[in-house]
Amino acid sequence: MIAPNPPTADLLTLVNAAYGLNVVALTRLPMGEDAASYLATARDDGRAVVRVERARTSAGGIVRTIERLEAIYRLTSALHERGGVLAQVVAPWRTSQGTFTCQFAERAVAVFPA
């Protein structure tokens, strides 16, 4: 089952406020069953990927909560920051609050470099 589309205008507003970005467009990417992904385009033509994941999902008996995703993203960020070969690990950007996710309509939102 493909993840439902959240209201794009509301998501754009949230991403800009939470991450301090100037995104002017979100384009749904054609992939993802457990999460919706969008290509975010900023006013300066910068790009990012916005991932919107249901806050509670069960995949193979593993329940993912926003807290669990936050822990996973802290780990990926730490691996990325170590550098070397681990610099290839893609980590999400932090919000202006210092977290990796924010909540949107019972979903976890994370923004990654494109």
PDB file of N, CA and C in Angstrom:
ATOM      1  N   MET A   1       0.838  -1.177   0.000  1.00  0.00           N
ATOM      2  CA  MET A   1       0.000   0.000   0.000  1.00  0.00           C
ATOM      3  C   MET A   1       0.886   1.244   0.000  1.00  0.00           C
ATOM      4  N   ILE A   2       0.650   2.136  -0.896  1.00  0.00           N
ATOM      5  CA  ILE A   2       1.427   3.367  -0.993  1.00  0.00           C
ATOM      6  C   ILE A   2       0.927   4.361   0.046  1.00  0.00           C
ATOM      7  N   ALA A   3       1.861   5.047   0.700  1.00  0.00           N
ATOM      8  CA  ALA A   3       1.513   6.026   1.729  1.00  0.00           C
ATOM      9  C   ALA A   3       0.655   7.128   1.137  1.00  0.00           C
ATOM     10  N   PRO A   4      -0.381   7.564   1.872  1.00  0.00           N
ATOM     11  CA  PRO A   4      -1.255   8.622   1.365  1.00  0.00           C
ATOM     12  C   PRO A   4      -0.527   9.963   1.315  1.00  0.00           C
ATOM     13  N   ASN A   5      -0.984  10.818   0.431  1.00  0.00           N
ATOM     14  CA  ASN A   5      -0.396  12.149   0.291  1.00  0.00           C
ATOM     15  C   ASN A   5      -0.896  13.061   1.400  1.00  0.00           C
ATOM     16  N   PRO A   6       0.002  13.661   2.186  1.00  0.00           N
ATOM     17  CA  PRO A   6      -0.450  14.694   3.111  1.00  0.00           C
ATOM     18  C   PRO A   6      -0.704  15.976   2.332  1.00  0.00           C
ATOM     19  N   PRO A   7      -1.455  16.914   2.891  1.00  0.00           N
ATOM     20  CA  PRO A   7      -1.695  18.187   2.183  1.00  0.00           C
ATOM     21  C   PRO A   7      -0.375  18.911   1.920  1.00  0.00           C
ATOM     22  N   THR A   8      -0.034  19.086   0.658  1.00  0.00           N
ATOM     23  CA  THR A   8       1.275  19.608   0.276  1.00  0.00           C
ATOM     24  C   THR A   8       1.526  21.027   0.778  1.00  0.00           C
ATOM     25  N   ALA A   9       0.543  21.910   0.702  1.00  0.00           N
ATOM     26  CA  ALA A   9       0.755  23.294   1.148  1.00  0.00           C
ATOM     27  C   ALA A   9       1.069  23.336   2.641  1.00  0.00           C
ATOM     28  N   ASP A  10       0.370  22.529   3.433  1.00  0.00           N
ATOM     29  CA  ASP A  10       0.627  22.484   4.871  1.00  0.00           C
ATOM     30  C   ASP A  10       2.014  21.904   5.154  1.00  0.00           C
ATOM     31  N   LEU A  11       2.398  20.893   4.404  1.00  0.00           N
ATOM     32  CA  LEU A  11       3.713  20.276   4.570  1.00  0.00           C
ATOM     33  C   LEU A  11       4.812  21.274   4.214  1.00  0.00           C
ATOM     34  N   LEU A  12       4.647  22.002   3.144  1.00  0.00           N
ATOM     35  CA  LEU A  12       5.621  23.009   2.722  1.00  0.00           C
ATOM     36  C   LEU A  12       5.801  24.060   3.823  1.00  0.00           C
ATOM     37  N   THR A  13       4.709  24.527   4.391  1.00  0.00           N
ATOM     38  CA  THR A  13       4.761  25.520   5.469  1.00  0.00           C
ATOM     39  C   THR A  13       5.501  24.964   6.680  1.00  0.00           C
ATOM     40  N   LEU A  14       5.202  23.714   7.045  1.00  0.00           N
ATOM     41  CA  LEU A  14       5.859  23.080   8.185  1.00  0.00           C
ATOM     42  C   LEU A  14       7.358  22.934   7.956  1.00  0.00           C
ATOM     43  N   VAL A  15       7.753  22.444   6.786  1.00  0.00           N
ATOM     44  CA  VAL A  15       9.177  22.246   6.475  1.00  0.00           C
ATOM     45  C   VAL A  15       9.927  23.571   6.553  1.00  0.00           C
ATOM     46  N   ASN A  16       9.357  24.615   5.992  1.00  0.00           N
ATOM     47  CA  ASN A  16      10.010  25.923   6.035  1.00  0.00           C
ATOM     48  C   ASN A  16      10.164  26.417   7.471  1.00  0.00           C
ATOM     49  N   ALA A  17       9.125  26.258   8.279  1.00  0.00           N
ATOM     50  CA  ALA A  17       9.177  26.736   9.664  1.00  0.00           C
ATOM     51  C   ALA A  17      10.119  25.881  10.514  1.00  0.00           C
ATOM     52  N   ALA A  18      10.025  24.560  10.400  1.00  0.00           N
ATOM     53  CA  ALA A  18      10.806  23.666  11.266  1.00  0.00           C
ATOM     54  C   ALA A  18      12.279  23.643  10.915  1.00  0.00           C
ATOM     55  N   TYR A  19      12.597  23.743   9.623  1.00  0.00           N
ATOM     56  CA  TYR A  19      13.987  23.613   9.190  1.00  0.00           C
ATOM     57  C   TYR A  19      14.618  24.945   8.774  1.00  0.00           C
ATOM     58  N   GLY A  20      13.853  26.024   8.829  1.00  0.00           N
ATOM     59  CA  GLY A  20      14.396  27.329   8.450  1.00  0.00           C
ATOM     60  C   GLY A  20      14.742  27.416   6.981  1.00  0.00           C
ATOM     61  N   LEU A  21      13.969  26.718   6.150  1.00  0.00           N
ATOM     62  CA  LEU A  21      14.224  26.691   4.709  1.00  0.00           C
ATOM     63  C   LEU A  21      13.307  27.659   3.986  1.00  0.00           C
ATOM     64  N   ASN A  22      13.543  27.814   2.692  1.00  0.00           N
ATOM     65  CA  ASN A  22      12.706  28.654   1.848  1.00  0.00           C
ATOM     66  C   ASN A  22      12.229  27.815   0.664  1.00  0.00           C
ATOM     67  N   VAL A  23      11.526  26.714   0.970  1.00  0.00           N
ATOM     68  CA  VAL A  23      11.030  25.806  -0.063  1.00  0.00           C
ATOM     69  C   VAL A  23       9.817  26.441  -0.734  1.00  0.00           C
ATOM     70  N   VAL A  24       9.825  26.407  -2.067  1.00  0.00           N
ATOM     71  CA  VAL A  24       8.708  26.978  -2.817  1.00  0.00           C
ATOM     72  C   VAL A  24       7.879  25.913  -3.524  1.00  0.00           C
ATOM     73  N   ALA A  25       8.413  24.681  -3.618  1.00  0.00           N
ATOM     74  CA  ALA A  25       7.666  23.612  -4.301  1.00  0.00           C
ATOM     75  C   ALA A  25       8.057  22.258  -3.740  1.00  0.00           C
ATOM     76  N   LEU A  26       7.053  21.381  -3.651  1.00  0.00           N
ATOM     77  CA  LEU A  26       7.263  19.986  -3.278  1.00  0.00           C
ATOM     78  C   LEU A  26       6.692  19.121  -4.391  1.00  0.00           C
ATOM     79  N   THR A  27       7.510  18.208  -4.905  1.00  0.00           N
ATOM     80  CA  THR A  27       7.078  17.306  -5.973  1.00  0.00           C
ATOM     81  C   THR A  27       7.141  15.877  -5.449  1.00  0.00           C
ATOM     82  N   ARG A  28       6.015  15.184  -5.473  1.00  0.00           N
ATOM     83  CA  ARG A  28       5.959  13.813  -4.952  1.00  0.00           C
ATOM     84  C   ARG A  28       6.844  12.904  -5.805  1.00  0.00           C
ATOM     85  N   LEU A  29       7.675  12.125  -5.149  1.00  0.00           N
ATOM     86  CA  LEU A  29       8.535  11.165  -5.839  1.00  0.00           C
ATOM     87  C   LEU A  29       7.808   9.828  -5.926  1.00  0.00           C
ATOM     88  N   PRO A  30       7.931   9.144  -7.053  1.00  0.00           N
ATOM     89  CA  PRO A  30       7.157   7.910  -7.280  1.00  0.00           C
ATOM     90  C   PRO A  30       7.796   6.682  -6.640  1.00  0.00           C
ATOM     91  N   MET A  31       7.880   6.687  -5.317  1.00  0.00           N
ATOM     92  CA  MET A  31       8.420   5.515  -4.635  1.00  0.00           C
ATOM     93  C   MET A  31       7.973   5.553  -3.182  1.00  0.00           C
ATOM     94  N   GLY A  32       8.094   4.424  -2.539  1.00  0.00           N
ATOM     95  CA  GLY A  32       7.827   4.363  -1.116  1.00  0.00           C
ATOM     96  C   GLY A  32       6.468   3.796  -0.788  1.00  0.00           C
ATOM     97  N   GLU A  33       6.472   2.713  -0.050  1.00  0.00           N
ATOM     98  CA  GLU A  33       5.222   2.141   0.409  1.00  0.00           C
ATOM     99  C   GLU A  33       4.927   2.564   1.833  1.00  0.00           C
ATOM    100  N   ASP A  34       5.968   2.704   2.626  1.00  0.00           N
ATOM    101  CA  ASP A  34       5.781   3.023   4.028  1.00  0.00           C
ATOM    102  C   ASP A  34       5.899   4.521   4.300  1.00  0.00           C
ATOM    103  N   ALA A  35       6.393   5.257   3.340  1.00  0.00           N
ATOM    104  CA  ALA A  35       6.591   6.690   3.507  1.00  0.00           C
ATOM    105  C   ALA A  35       6.387   7.383   2.171  1.00  0.00           C
ATOM    106  N   ALA A  36       6.018   8.649   2.262  1.00  0.00           N
ATOM    107  CA  ALA A  36       5.921   9.483   1.065  1.00  0.00           C
ATOM    108  C   ALA A  36       7.191  10.332   1.001  1.00  0.00           C
ATOM    109  N   SER A  37       7.746  10.475  -0.184  1.00  0.00           N
ATOM    110  CA  SER A  37       8.943  11.290  -0.362  1.00  0.00           C
ATOM    111  C   SER A  37       8.661  12.381  -1.379  1.00  0.00           C
ATOM    112  N   TYR A  38       9.246  13.537  -1.128  1.00  0.00           N
ATOM    113  CA  TYR A  38       9.051  14.700  -1.994  1.00  0.00           C
ATOM    114  C   TYR A  38      10.392  15.321  -2.310  1.00  0.00           C
ATOM    115  N   LEU A  39      10.534  15.827  -3.531  1.00  0.00           N
ATOM    116  CA  LEU A  39      11.681  16.646  -3.886  1.00  0.00           C
ATOM    117  C   LEU A  39      11.293  18.077  -3.556  1.00  0.00           C
ATOM    118  N   ALA A  40      12.046  18.687  -2.649  1.00  0.00           N
ATOM    119  CA  ALA A  40      11.785  20.071  -2.254  1.00  0.00           C
ATOM    120  C   ALA A  40      12.705  20.982  -3.052  1.00  0.00           C
ATOM    121  N   THR A  41      12.136  22.017  -3.636  1.00  0.00           N
ATOM    122  CA  THR A  41      12.905  22.999  -4.394  1.00  0.00           C
ATOM    123  C   THR A  41      12.800  24.338  -3.679  1.00  0.00           C
ATOM    124  N   ALA A  42      13.956  24.917  -3.351  1.00  0.00           N
ATOM    125  CA  ALA A  42      13.994  26.199  -2.656  1.00  0.00           C
ATOM    126  C   ALA A  42      13.999  27.345  -3.659  1.00  0.00           C
ATOM    127  N   ARG A  43      13.741  28.508  -3.154  1.00  0.00           N
ATOM    128  CA  ARG A  43      13.720  29.710  -4.000  1.00  0.00           C
ATOM    129  C   ARG A  43      15.050  29.902  -4.723  1.00  0.00           C
ATOM    130  N   ASP A  44      16.172  29.499  -4.081  1.00  0.00           N
ATOM    131  CA  ASP A  44      17.491  29.657  -4.702  1.00  0.00           C
ATOM    132  C   ASP A  44      17.877  28.435  -5.539  1.00  0.00           C
ATOM    133  N   ASP A  45      16.903  27.578  -5.879  1.00  0.00           N
ATOM    134  CA  ASP A  45      17.083  26.353  -6.661  1.00  0.00           C
ATOM    135  C   ASP A  45      17.803  25.244  -5.893  1.00  0.00           C
ATOM    136  N   GLY A  46      18.055  25.441  -4.594  1.00  0.00           N
ATOM    137  CA  GLY A  46      18.592  24.361  -3.780  1.00  0.00           C
ATOM    138  C   GLY A  46      17.559  23.245  -3.691  1.00  0.00           C
ATOM    139  N   ARG A  47      18.012  22.011  -3.466  1.00  0.00           N
ATOM    140  CA  ARG A  47      17.096  20.872  -3.428  1.00  0.00           C
ATOM    141  C   ARG A  47      17.341  20.039  -2.180  1.00  0.00           C
ATOM    142  N   ALA A  48      16.275  19.386  -1.746  1.00  0.00           N
ATOM    143  CA  ALA A  48      16.336  18.476  -0.606  1.00  0.00           C
ATOM    144  C   ALA A  48      15.260  17.423  -0.811  1.00  0.00           C
ATOM    145  N   VAL A  49      15.349  16.353  -0.051  1.00  0.00           N
ATOM    146  CA  VAL A  49      14.315  15.315  -0.084  1.00  0.00           C
ATOM    147  C   VAL A  49      13.591  15.339   1.258  1.00  0.00           C
ATOM    148  N   VAL A  50      12.283  15.437   1.194  1.00  0.00           N
ATOM    149  CA  VAL A  50      11.443  15.432   2.395  1.00  0.00           C
ATOM    150  C   VAL A  50      10.792  14.063   2.485  1.00  0.00           C
ATOM    151  N   ARG A  51      10.991  13.408   3.628  1.00  0.00           N
ATOM    152  CA  ARG A  51      10.415  12.077   3.847  1.00  0.00           C
ATOM    153  C   ARG A  51       9.337  12.208   4.917  1.00  0.00           C
ATOM    154  N   VAL A  52       8.137  11.735   4.583  1.00  0.00           N
ATOM    155  CA  VAL A  52       7.005  11.790   5.506  1.00  0.00           C
ATOM    156  C   VAL A  52       6.592  10.353   5.800  1.00  0.00           C
ATOM    157  N   GLU A  53       6.835   9.935   7.038  1.00  0.00           N
ATOM    158  CA  GLU A  53       6.607   8.544   7.412  1.00  0.00           C
ATOM    159  C   GLU A  53       5.533   8.459   8.491  1.00  0.00           C
ATOM    160  N   ARG A  54       4.661   7.486   8.340  1.00  0.00           N
ATOM    161  CA  ARG A  54       3.647   7.283   9.365  1.00  0.00           C
ATOM    162  C   ARG A  54       4.330   7.085  10.707  1.00  0.00           C
ATOM    163  N   ALA A  55       3.801   7.722  11.726  1.00  0.00           N
ATOM    164  CA  ALA A  55       4.440   7.683  13.041  1.00  0.00           C
ATOM    165  C   ALA A  55       4.451   6.282  13.631  1.00  0.00           C
ATOM    166  N   ARG A  56       3.453   5.494  13.384  1.00  0.00           N
ATOM    167  CA  ARG A  56       3.423   4.124  13.904  1.00  0.00           C
ATOM    168  C   ARG A  56       3.176   3.180  12.750  1.00  0.00           C
ATOM    169  N   THR A  57       4.177   2.416  12.427  1.00  0.00           N
ATOM    170  CA  THR A  57       4.016   1.403  11.397  1.00  0.00           C
ATOM    171  C   THR A  57       4.609   0.108  11.925  1.00  0.00           C
ATOM    172  N   SER A  58       4.155  -0.974  11.407  1.00  0.00           N
ATOM    173  CA  SER A  58       4.708  -2.258  11.814  1.00  0.00           C
ATOM    174  C   SER A  58       5.242  -2.951  10.575  1.00  0.00           C
ATOM    175  N   ALA A  59       6.540  -3.070  10.522  1.00  0.00           N
ATOM    176  CA  ALA A  59       7.194  -3.732   9.393  1.00  0.00           C
ATOM    177  C   ALA A  59       7.968  -4.918   9.953  1.00  0.00           C
ATOM    178  N   GLY A  60       7.502  -6.086   9.683  1.00  0.00           N
ATOM    179  CA  GLY A  60       8.177  -7.276  10.188  1.00  0.00           C
ATOM    180  C   GLY A  60       8.163  -7.357  11.700  1.00  0.00           C
ATOM    181  N   GLY A  61       7.099  -6.844  12.311  1.00  0.00           N
ATOM    182  CA  GLY A  61       6.982  -6.898  13.760  1.00  0.00           C
ATOM    183  C   GLY A  61       7.688  -5.765  14.485  1.00  0.00           C
ATOM    184  N   ILE A  62       8.341  -4.863  13.764  1.00  0.00           N
ATOM    185  CA  ILE A  62       9.033  -3.733  14.381  1.00  0.00           C
ATOM    186  C   ILE A  62       8.126  -2.511  14.294  1.00  0.00           C
ATOM    187  N   VAL A  63       7.811  -1.933  15.428  1.00  0.00           N
ATOM    188  CA  VAL A  63       6.976  -0.739  15.444  1.00  0.00           C
ATOM    189  C   VAL A  63       7.870   0.491  15.425  1.00  0.00           C
ATOM    190  N   ARG A  64       7.625   1.365  14.469  1.00  0.00           N
ATOM    191  CA  ARG A  64       8.409   2.592  14.362  1.00  0.00           C
ATOM    192  C   ARG A  64       7.595   3.751  14.930  1.00  0.00           C
ATOM    193  N   THR A  65       8.159   4.418  15.892  1.00  0.00           N
ATOM    194  CA  THR A  65       7.543   5.612  16.451  1.00  0.00           C
ATOM    195  C   THR A  65       8.431   6.796  16.094  1.00  0.00           C
ATOM    196  N   ILE A  66       7.932   7.976  16.331  1.00  0.00           N
ATOM    197  CA  ILE A  66       8.738   9.163  16.061  1.00  0.00           C
ATOM    198  C   ILE A  66      10.006   9.126  16.918  1.00  0.00           C
ATOM    199  N   GLU A  67       9.890   8.674  18.160  1.00  0.00           N
ATOM    200  CA  GLU A  67      11.060   8.589  19.035  1.00  0.00           C
ATOM    201  C   GLU A  67      12.092   7.613  18.473  1.00  0.00           C
ATOM    202  N   ARG A  68      11.631   6.494  17.946  1.00  0.00           N
ATOM    203  CA  ARG A  68      12.545   5.491  17.380  1.00  0.00           C
ATOM    204  C   ARG A  68      13.237   6.041  16.126  1.00  0.00           C
ATOM    205  N   LEU A  69      12.465   6.727  15.277  1.00  0.00           N
ATOM    206  CA  LEU A  69      13.071   7.336  14.082  1.00  0.00           C
ATOM    207  C   LEU A  69      14.100   8.388  14.481  1.00  0.00           C
ATOM    208  N   GLU A  70      13.790   9.153  15.513  1.00  0.00           N
ATOM    209  CA  GLU A  70      14.722  10.176  15.986  1.00  0.00           C
ATOM    210  C   GLU A  70      16.041   9.517  16.412  1.00  0.00           C
ATOM    211  N   ALA A  71      15.960   8.396  17.111  1.00  0.00           N
ATOM    212  CA  ALA A  71      17.167   7.673  17.548  1.00  0.00           C
ATOM    213  C   ALA A  71      17.947   7.135  16.343  1.00  0.00           C
ATOM    214  N   ILE A  72      17.238   6.598  15.364  1.00  0.00           N
ATOM    215  CA  ILE A  72      17.887   6.085  14.153  1.00  0.00           C
ATOM    216  C   ILE A  72      18.600   7.218  13.420  1.00  0.00           C
ATOM    217  N   TYR A  73      17.948   8.360  13.313  1.00  0.00           N
ATOM    218  CA  TYR A  73      18.560   9.487  12.604  1.00  0.00           C
ATOM    219  C   TYR A  73      19.733  10.071  13.391  1.00  0.00           C
ATOM    220  N   ARG A  74      19.694  10.042  14.725  1.00  0.00           N
ATOM    221  CA  ARG A  74      20.855  10.476  15.517  1.00  0.00           C
ATOM    222  C   ARG A  74      22.056   9.589  15.203  1.00  0.00           C
ATOM    223  N   LEU A  75      21.804   8.292  15.090  1.00  0.00           N
ATOM    224  CA  LEU A  75      22.879   7.348  14.778  1.00  0.00           C
ATOM    225  C   LEU A  75      23.436   7.600  13.373  1.00  0.00           C
ATOM    226  N   THR A  76      22.562   7.769  12.380  1.00  0.00           N
ATOM    227  CA  THR A  76      23.057   7.998  11.015  1.00  0.00           C
ATOM    228  C   THR A  76      23.836   9.311  10.940  1.00  0.00           C
ATOM    229  N   SER A  77      23.399  10.308  11.692  1.00  0.00           N
ATOM    230  CA  SER A  77      24.119  11.578  11.706  1.00  0.00           C
ATOM    231  C   SER A  77      25.506  11.405  12.328  1.00  0.00           C
ATOM    232  N   ALA A  78      25.582  10.656  13.417  1.00  0.00           N
ATOM    233  CA  ALA A  78      26.875  10.415  14.066  1.00  0.00           C
ATOM    234  C   ALA A  78      27.818   9.668  13.122  1.00  0.00           C
ATOM    235  N   LEU A  79      27.305   8.689  12.401  1.00  0.00           N
ATOM    236  CA  LEU A  79      28.130   7.959  11.432  1.00  0.00           C
ATOM    237  C   LEU A  79      28.628   8.885  10.330  1.00  0.00           C
ATOM    238  N   HIS A  80      27.733   9.732   9.834  1.00  0.00           N
ATOM    239  CA  HIS A  80      28.095  10.677   8.773  1.00  0.00           C
ATOM    240  C   HIS A  80      29.180  11.642   9.252  1.00  0.00           C
ATOM    241  N   GLU A  81      29.011  12.142  10.470  1.00  0.00           N
ATOM    242  CA  GLU A  81      29.942  13.137  10.996  1.00  0.00           C
ATOM    243  C   GLU A  81      31.321  12.568  11.295  1.00  0.00           C
ATOM    244  N   ARG A  82      31.429  11.247  11.440  1.00  0.00           N
ATOM    245  CA  ARG A  82      32.746  10.618  11.686  1.00  0.00           C
ATOM    246  C   ARG A  82      33.655  10.771  10.485  1.00  0.00           C
ATOM    247  N   GLY A  83      33.061  10.964   9.314  1.00  0.00           N
ATOM    248  CA  GLY A  83      33.871  11.185   8.123  1.00  0.00           C
ATOM    249  C   GLY A  83      34.430   9.903   7.545  1.00  0.00           C
ATOM    250  N   GLY A  84      35.439  10.058   6.714  1.00  0.00           N
ATOM    251  CA  GLY A  84      36.032   8.906   6.050  1.00  0.00           C
ATOM    252  C   GLY A  84      34.999   8.184   5.205  1.00  0.00           C
ATOM    253  N   VAL A  85      35.046   6.868   5.204  1.00  0.00           N
ATOM    254  CA  VAL A  85      34.093   6.057   4.439  1.00  0.00           C
ATOM    255  C   VAL A  85      32.669   6.298   4.936  1.00  0.00           C
ATOM    256  N   LEU A  86      32.527   6.563   6.237  1.00  0.00           N
ATOM    257  CA  LEU A  86      31.198   6.760   6.810  1.00  0.00           C
ATOM    258  C   LEU A  86      30.564   8.083   6.383  1.00  0.00           C
ATOM    259  N   ALA A  87      31.321   8.970   5.777  1.00  0.00           N
ATOM    260  CA  ALA A  87      30.755  10.233   5.291  1.00  0.00           C
ATOM    261  C   ALA A  87      29.721   9.986   4.202  1.00  0.00           C
ATOM    262  N   GLN A  88      29.745   8.795   3.605  1.00  0.00           N
ATOM    263  CA  GLN A  88      28.767   8.463   2.557  1.00  0.00           C
ATOM    264  C   GLN A  88      27.386   8.159   3.127  1.00  0.00           C
ATOM    265  N   VAL A  89      27.281   7.952   4.439  1.00  0.00           N
ATOM    266  CA  VAL A  89      25.986   7.714   5.076  1.00  0.00           C
ATOM    267  C   VAL A  89      25.172   8.997   4.954  1.00  0.00           C
ATOM    268  N   VAL A  90      23.972   8.886   4.430  1.00  0.00           N
ATOM    269  CA  VAL A  90      23.122  10.068   4.258  1.00  0.00           C
ATOM    270  C   VAL A  90      22.345  10.296   5.545  1.00  0.00           C
ATOM    271  N   ALA A  91      22.548  11.441   6.130  1.00  0.00           N
ATOM    272  CA  ALA A  91      21.877  11.781   7.382  1.00  0.00           C
ATOM    273  C   ALA A  91      20.927  12.952   7.158  1.00  0.00           C
ATOM    274  N   PRO A  92      19.821  12.963   7.877  1.00  0.00           N
ATOM    275  CA  PRO A  92      18.889  14.088   7.725  1.00  0.00           C
ATOM    276  C   PRO A  92      19.462  15.354   8.358  1.00  0.00           C
ATOM    277  N   TRP A  93      18.912  16.477   7.932  1.00  0.00           N
ATOM    278  CA  TRP A  93      19.278  17.761   8.521  1.00  0.00           C
ATOM    279  C   TRP A  93      18.559  17.907   9.854  1.00  0.00           C
ATOM    280  N   ARG A  94      19.121  18.699  10.718  1.00  0.00           N
ATOM    281  CA  ARG A  94      18.464  19.003  11.994  1.00  0.00           C
ATOM    282  C   ARG A  94      17.445  20.132  11.803  1.00  0.00           C
ATOM    283  N   THR A  95      16.397  20.073  12.605  1.00  0.00           N
ATOM    284  CA  THR A  95      15.428  21.165  12.620  1.00  0.00           C
ATOM    285  C   THR A  95      16.051  22.336  13.384  1.00  0.00           C
ATOM    286  N   SER A  96      15.377  23.467  13.395  1.00  0.00           N
ATOM    287  CA  SER A  96      15.872  24.615  14.157  1.00  0.00           C
ATOM    288  C   SER A  96      15.828  24.335  15.660  1.00  0.00           C
ATOM    289  N   GLN A  97      15.104  23.293  16.066  1.00  0.00           N
ATOM    290  CA  GLN A  97      15.036  22.885  17.474  1.00  0.00           C
ATOM    291  C   GLN A  97      16.137  21.880  17.831  1.00  0.00           C
ATOM    292  N   GLY A  98      16.921  21.453  16.834  1.00  0.00           N
ATOM    293  CA  GLY A  98      18.013  20.522  17.080  1.00  0.00           C
ATOM    294  C   GLY A  98      17.643  19.052  16.937  1.00  0.00           C
ATOM    295  N   THR A  99      16.397  18.756  16.617  1.00  0.00           N
ATOM    296  CA  THR A  99      15.966  17.375  16.392  1.00  0.00           C
ATOM    297  C   THR A  99      16.106  17.048  14.910  1.00  0.00           C
ATOM    298  N   PHE A 100      15.909  15.784  14.571  1.00  0.00           N
ATOM    299  CA  PHE A 100      15.994  15.392  13.164  1.00  0.00           C
ATOM    300  C   PHE A 100      14.631  15.279  12.514  1.00  0.00           C
ATOM    301  N   THR A 101      13.582  15.202  13.321  1.00  0.00           N
ATOM    302  CA  THR A 101      12.229  15.073  12.788  1.00  0.00           C
ATOM    303  C   THR A 101      11.317  16.122  13.411  1.00  0.00           C
ATOM    304  N   CYS A 102      10.211  16.333  12.736  1.00  0.00           N
ATOM    305  CA  CYS A 102       9.117  17.104  13.317  1.00  0.00           C
ATOM    306  C   CYS A 102       7.842  16.336  12.998  1.00  0.00           C
ATOM    307  N   GLN A 103       6.786  16.648  13.700  1.00  0.00           N
ATOM    308  CA  GLN A 103       5.554  15.890  13.530  1.00  0.00           C
ATOM    309  C   GLN A 103       4.581  16.646  12.633  1.00  0.00           C
ATOM    310  N   PHE A 104       3.920  15.872  11.771  1.00  0.00           N
ATOM    311  CA  PHE A 104       2.940  16.439  10.835  1.00  0.00           C
ATOM    312  C   PHE A 104       1.796  15.444  10.679  1.00  0.00           C
ATOM    313  N   ALA A 105       0.633  15.777  11.211  1.00  0.00           N
ATOM    314  CA  ALA A 105      -0.558  14.935  11.064  1.00  0.00           C
ATOM    315  C   ALA A 105      -0.261  13.471  11.378  1.00  0.00           C
ATOM    316  N   GLU A 106       0.274  13.228  12.563  1.00  0.00           N
ATOM    317  CA  GLU A 106       0.605  11.875  13.021  1.00  0.00           C
ATOM    318  C   GLU A 106       1.658  11.186  12.150  1.00  0.00           C
ATOM    319  N   ARG A 107       2.485  11.987  11.515  1.00  0.00           N
ATOM    320  CA  ARG A 107       3.578  11.468  10.705  1.00  0.00           C
ATOM    321  C   ARG A 107       4.872  12.135  11.147  1.00  0.00           C
ATOM    322  N   ALA A 108       5.976  11.446  10.901  1.00  0.00           N
ATOM    323  CA  ALA A 108       7.297  12.013  11.166  1.00  0.00           C
ATOM    324  C   ALA A 108       7.849  12.572   9.872  1.00  0.00           C
ATOM    325  N   VAL A 109       8.351  13.782   9.913  1.00  0.00           N
ATOM    326  CA  VAL A 109       8.927  14.435   8.731  1.00  0.00           C
ATOM    327  C   VAL A 109      10.418  14.615   8.967  1.00  0.00           C
ATOM    328  N   ALA A 110      11.212  14.235   7.987  1.00  0.00           N
ATOM    329  CA  ALA A 110      12.661  14.439   8.021  1.00  0.00           C
ATOM    330  C   ALA A 110      13.093  14.981   6.670  1.00  0.00           C
ATOM    331  N   VAL A 111      14.106  15.841   6.678  1.00  0.00           N
ATOM    332  CA  VAL A 111      14.611  16.448   5.451  1.00  0.00           C
ATOM    333  C   VAL A 111      16.065  16.014   5.254  1.00  0.00           C
ATOM    334  N   PHE A 112      16.364  15.532   4.059  1.00  0.00           N
ATOM    335  CA  PHE A 112      17.687  15.025   3.712  1.00  0.00           C
ATOM    336  C   PHE A 112      18.268  15.818   2.553  1.00  0.00           C
ATOM    337  N   PRO A 113      19.608  15.873   2.460  1.00  0.00           N
ATOM    338  CA  PRO A 113      20.208  16.497   1.279  1.00  0.00           C
ATOM    339  C   PRO A 113      19.836  15.707   0.024  1.00  0.00           C
ATOM    340  N   ALA A 114      19.664  16.414  -1.066  1.00  0.00           N
ATOM    341  CA  ALA A 114      19.297  15.748  -2.332  1.00  0.00           C
ATOM    342  C   ALA A 114      20.530  15.297  -3.077  1.00  0.00           C
TER     343      ALA A 114
END
